[in-house]
Amino acid sequence: MAATILYPFAEIAAALFAAELTDKDAFFILGVSARGRPGLTFLAGVTAFTLTTALFVALGSVLLLYVPVEWVRLAGGAVMLGYGAWAARGLLGKKQAEGDGSRAGERKSAAGFFLALVGALVALDVAGDATEVLTIVLVARYAEPLLVFGGACAGLYAATAMEAALGSSLGRLLTPPRVRALSAVVFLGLGTIILLGYA
């Protein structure tokens, strides 16, 4: 019984971990943690991702009551491919804009900083985030909302911990063009796997 839960849990966590490391809010977390308060940045990320993951697991569960699973899988795979193609646009011979949108504003109290960061991350996710589409597709795949919620949170927490802990050094390595290239590879791969029916 444990093995039958452990494998899909690990698969979900790995998929969300890879997707989050190349998503737009990853660069935001890297930028904020590079300026200080990595512990508080991690807690804000965990809080935001718990809220948005719960929201999108619930949305996926409701969606499956009205839409056939195969349609959700196909739409999700198409969105992943579209996101990957969007991320890949302009990589050949075009310089990417360097704005990362990660200004944290003037230093305020820890509570104000925490709430502002949670709000910014929730807004980024709800405004259109590929990891949230992947979460809905995984709800369709496994039909186990609690399993998907737990696995998705585990993957997102691990990615957030890495981003917050390695802020400045990882931020120098993962420049916007490199994040875009990695994102294109990850989401084109995930989209292909989903459309082929293996995820």
Protein backbone atom coordinates (compact mmCIF):
# COMPACT_ATOMS: atom_id res chain seq x y z
CA MET A 1 0.00 0.00 0.00
CA ALA A 2 2.79 2.43 0.94
CA ALA A 3 4.65 1.69 -2.30
CA THR A 4 1.53 2.38 -4.41
CA ILE A 5 1.24 5.85 -2.82
CA LEU A 6 4.96 6.61 -2.64
CA TYR A 7 5.66 6.29 -6.36
CA PRO A 8 2.94 8.70 -7.57
CA PHE A 9 3.75 11.06 -4.68
CA ALA A 10 7.42 11.15 -5.76
CA GLU A 11 6.42 11.56 -9.42
CA ILE A 12 4.13 14.51 -8.61
CA ALA A 13 6.73 16.12 -6.34
CA ALA A 14 9.48 15.76 -8.97
CA ALA A 15 7.30 17.22 -11.73
CA LEU A 16 6.33 20.25 -9.64
CA PHE A 17 9.92 20.71 -8.40
CA ALA A 18 11.25 20.84 -11.97
CA ALA A 19 8.41 23.05 -13.17
CA GLU A 20 8.77 25.51 -10.27
CA LEU A 21 12.52 25.95 -10.72
CA THR A 22 11.87 27.28 -14.21
CA ASP A 23 8.70 29.27 -13.54
CA LYS A 24 8.44 33.05 -13.23
CA ASP A 25 8.01 33.11 -9.47
CA ALA A 26 11.29 31.20 -9.04
CA PHE A 27 13.21 34.18 -10.34
CA PHE A 28 11.13 36.42 -8.08
CA ILE A 29 12.06 34.32 -5.01
CA LEU A 30 15.72 34.24 -6.05
CA GLY A 31 15.76 38.01 -6.40
CA VAL A 32 14.06 38.68 -3.09
CA SER A 33 16.16 36.20 -1.09
CA ALA A 34 19.36 37.60 -2.63
CA ARG A 35 18.53 40.89 -0.90
CA GLY A 36 18.24 39.27 2.52
CA ARG A 37 15.74 37.44 4.76
CA PRO A 38 15.94 34.04 3.02
CA GLY A 39 14.16 32.31 5.92
CA LEU A 40 11.20 34.67 5.75
CA THR A 41 11.20 34.39 1.95
CA PHE A 42 10.98 30.59 2.27
CA LEU A 43 8.07 30.83 4.75
CA ALA A 44 6.24 33.26 2.47
CA GLY A 45 6.78 30.95 -0.51
CA VAL A 46 5.51 27.92 1.43
CA THR A 47 2.43 29.85 2.57
CA ALA A 48 1.65 31.15 -0.92
CA PHE A 49 2.18 27.78 -2.59
CA THR A 50 0.03 25.98 -0.01
CA LEU A 51 -2.84 28.40 -0.70
CA THR A 52 -2.56 28.31 -4.49
CA THR A 53 -2.04 24.54 -4.63
CA ALA A 54 -5.16 24.00 -2.51
CA LEU A 55 -7.07 26.34 -4.82
CA PHE A 56 -5.97 24.61 -8.02
CA VAL A 57 -6.42 21.08 -6.67
CA ALA A 58 -9.98 22.07 -5.72
CA LEU A 59 -10.49 23.66 -9.14
CA GLY A 60 -9.17 20.52 -10.85
CA SER A 61 -11.49 18.33 -8.77
CA VAL A 62 -14.54 20.44 -9.67
CA LEU A 63 -13.50 20.62 -13.32
CA LEU A 64 -13.41 16.82 -13.52
CA LEU A 65 -17.07 16.67 -12.49
CA TYR A 66 -18.03 18.43 -15.73
CA VAL A 67 -15.21 17.82 -18.21
CA PRO A 68 -13.92 14.40 -19.36
CA VAL A 69 -10.48 13.50 -17.99
CA GLU A 70 -9.07 13.09 -21.51
CA TRP A 71 -10.05 16.67 -22.41
CA VAL A 72 -8.34 18.00 -19.29
CA ARG A 73 -5.19 16.02 -20.12
CA LEU A 74 -5.14 17.20 -23.74
CA ALA A 75 -5.82 20.83 -22.81
CA GLY A 76 -3.16 20.70 -20.10
CA GLY A 77 -0.60 19.18 -22.45
CA ALA A 78 -1.37 21.80 -25.07
CA VAL A 79 -0.97 24.59 -22.48
CA MET A 80 2.39 23.13 -21.38
CA LEU A 81 3.59 23.00 -25.00
CA GLY A 82 2.33 26.55 -25.56
CA TYR A 83 4.11 27.77 -22.44
CA GLY A 84 7.30 26.01 -23.54
CA ALA A 85 7.06 27.55 -27.01
CA TRP A 86 6.42 30.98 -25.48
CA ALA A 87 9.48 30.58 -23.24
CA ALA A 88 11.56 29.52 -26.25
CA ARG A 89 10.54 32.49 -28.39
CA GLY A 90 13.41 34.75 -29.26
CA LEU A 91 16.10 32.48 -27.82
CA LEU A 92 17.81 32.23 -31.20
CA GLY A 93 19.70 35.46 -31.83
CA LYS A 94 17.51 37.75 -29.74
CA LYS A 95 18.59 39.32 -26.46
CA GLN A 96 16.07 38.91 -23.67
CA ALA A 97 14.85 41.75 -21.51
CA GLU A 98 16.53 41.60 -18.15
CA GLY A 99 13.72 42.91 -15.95
CA ASP A 100 12.91 40.37 -13.28
CA GLY A 101 10.24 42.38 -11.47
CA SER A 102 11.67 41.32 -8.13
CA ARG A 103 11.92 44.66 -6.33
CA ALA A 104 10.83 44.09 -2.78
CA GLY A 105 10.40 47.80 -2.08
CA GLU A 106 11.77 49.54 0.93
CA ARG A 107 12.55 47.42 3.98
CA LYS A 108 9.56 47.16 6.26
CA SER A 109 8.69 45.05 9.27
CA ALA A 110 9.05 41.30 9.03
CA ALA A 111 5.25 40.90 9.06
CA GLY A 112 4.78 43.48 6.31
CA PHE A 113 7.55 41.91 4.22
CA PHE A 114 6.03 38.43 4.71
CA LEU A 115 2.48 39.50 3.79
CA ALA A 116 3.63 41.50 0.76
CA LEU A 117 5.68 38.54 -0.51
CA VAL A 118 2.83 36.05 0.03
CA GLY A 119 0.47 38.39 -1.82
CA ALA A 120 2.89 38.86 -4.71
CA LEU A 121 3.47 35.12 -5.10
CA VAL A 122 -0.25 34.29 -4.93
CA ALA A 123 -0.93 36.97 -7.54
CA LEU A 124 1.81 35.58 -9.82
CA ASP A 125 0.39 32.07 -9.55
CA VAL A 126 -3.28 32.95 -9.97
CA ALA A 127 -2.52 35.31 -12.88
CA GLY A 128 -1.37 32.38 -14.97
CA ASP A 129 1.23 29.93 -13.81
CA ALA A 130 2.26 26.77 -15.64
CA THR A 131 2.80 24.87 -12.37
CA GLU A 132 -0.86 25.41 -11.53
CA VAL A 133 -1.95 24.02 -14.92
CA LEU A 134 0.30 21.03 -14.24
CA THR A 135 -1.39 20.60 -10.84
CA ILE A 136 -4.82 20.44 -12.49
CA VAL A 137 -3.54 17.90 -15.05
CA LEU A 138 -2.12 15.76 -12.22
CA VAL A 139 -5.50 15.85 -10.43
CA ALA A 140 -7.01 14.50 -13.66
CA ARG A 141 -4.27 11.87 -13.95
CA TYR A 142 -4.45 10.48 -10.42
CA ALA A 143 -8.01 11.40 -9.33
CA GLU A 144 -6.65 11.67 -5.78
CA PRO A 145 -6.80 15.33 -4.72
CA LEU A 146 -5.05 14.83 -1.37
CA LEU A 147 -2.21 12.86 -2.97
CA VAL A 148 -1.73 15.57 -5.61
CA PHE A 149 -1.92 18.31 -2.99
CA GLY A 150 0.71 16.61 -0.81
CA GLY A 151 3.06 15.77 -3.67
CA ALA A 152 2.71 19.19 -5.28
CA CYS A 153 3.38 20.97 -1.98
CA ALA A 154 6.43 18.77 -1.33
CA GLY A 155 7.91 19.61 -4.74
CA LEU A 156 7.12 23.32 -4.44
CA TYR A 157 8.50 23.53 -0.88
CA ALA A 158 11.75 21.84 -1.97
CA ALA A 159 12.15 24.21 -4.92
CA THR A 160 11.37 27.23 -2.72
CA ALA A 161 13.92 26.10 -0.13
CA MET A 162 16.59 25.81 -2.82
CA GLU A 163 15.70 29.20 -4.32
CA ALA A 164 15.62 30.97 -0.95
CA ALA A 165 18.82 29.35 0.35
CA LEU A 166 20.85 29.89 -2.78
CA GLY A 167 19.36 33.29 -3.66
CA SER A 168 22.35 35.38 -4.64
CA SER A 169 24.59 32.63 -6.05
CA LEU A 170 21.79 30.84 -7.91
CA GLY A 171 20.46 34.21 -9.06
CA ARG A 172 23.77 34.93 -10.78
CA LEU A 173 23.73 31.50 -12.45
CA LEU A 174 20.08 31.57 -13.49
CA THR A 175 19.96 34.74 -15.55
CA PRO A 176 16.62 35.52 -17.28
CA PRO A 177 17.73 34.07 -20.65
CA ARG A 178 18.96 30.86 -18.97
CA VAL A 179 15.73 30.53 -16.96
CA ARG A 180 13.75 31.04 -20.16
CA ALA A 181 15.78 28.36 -21.99
CA LEU A 182 15.46 25.89 -19.11
CA SER A 183 11.76 26.68 -18.81
CA ALA A 184 11.26 26.00 -22.52
CA VAL A 185 12.94 22.60 -22.23
CA VAL A 186 11.03 21.59 -19.07
CA PHE A 187 7.58 22.65 -20.28
CA LEU A 188 7.99 21.34 -23.83
CA GLY A 189 9.05 18.03 -22.27
CA LEU A 190 6.18 17.97 -19.76
CA GLY A 191 3.66 18.91 -22.46
CA THR A 192 4.88 16.12 -24.73
CA ILE A 193 4.77 13.58 -21.90
CA ILE A 194 1.23 14.66 -20.89
CA LEU A 195 -0.06 14.49 -24.46
CA LEU A 196 1.47 11.05 -24.89
CA GLY A 197 -0.42 9.94 -21.80
CA TYR A 198 2.51 9.11 -19.52
CA ALA A 199 1.96 11.86 -16.94
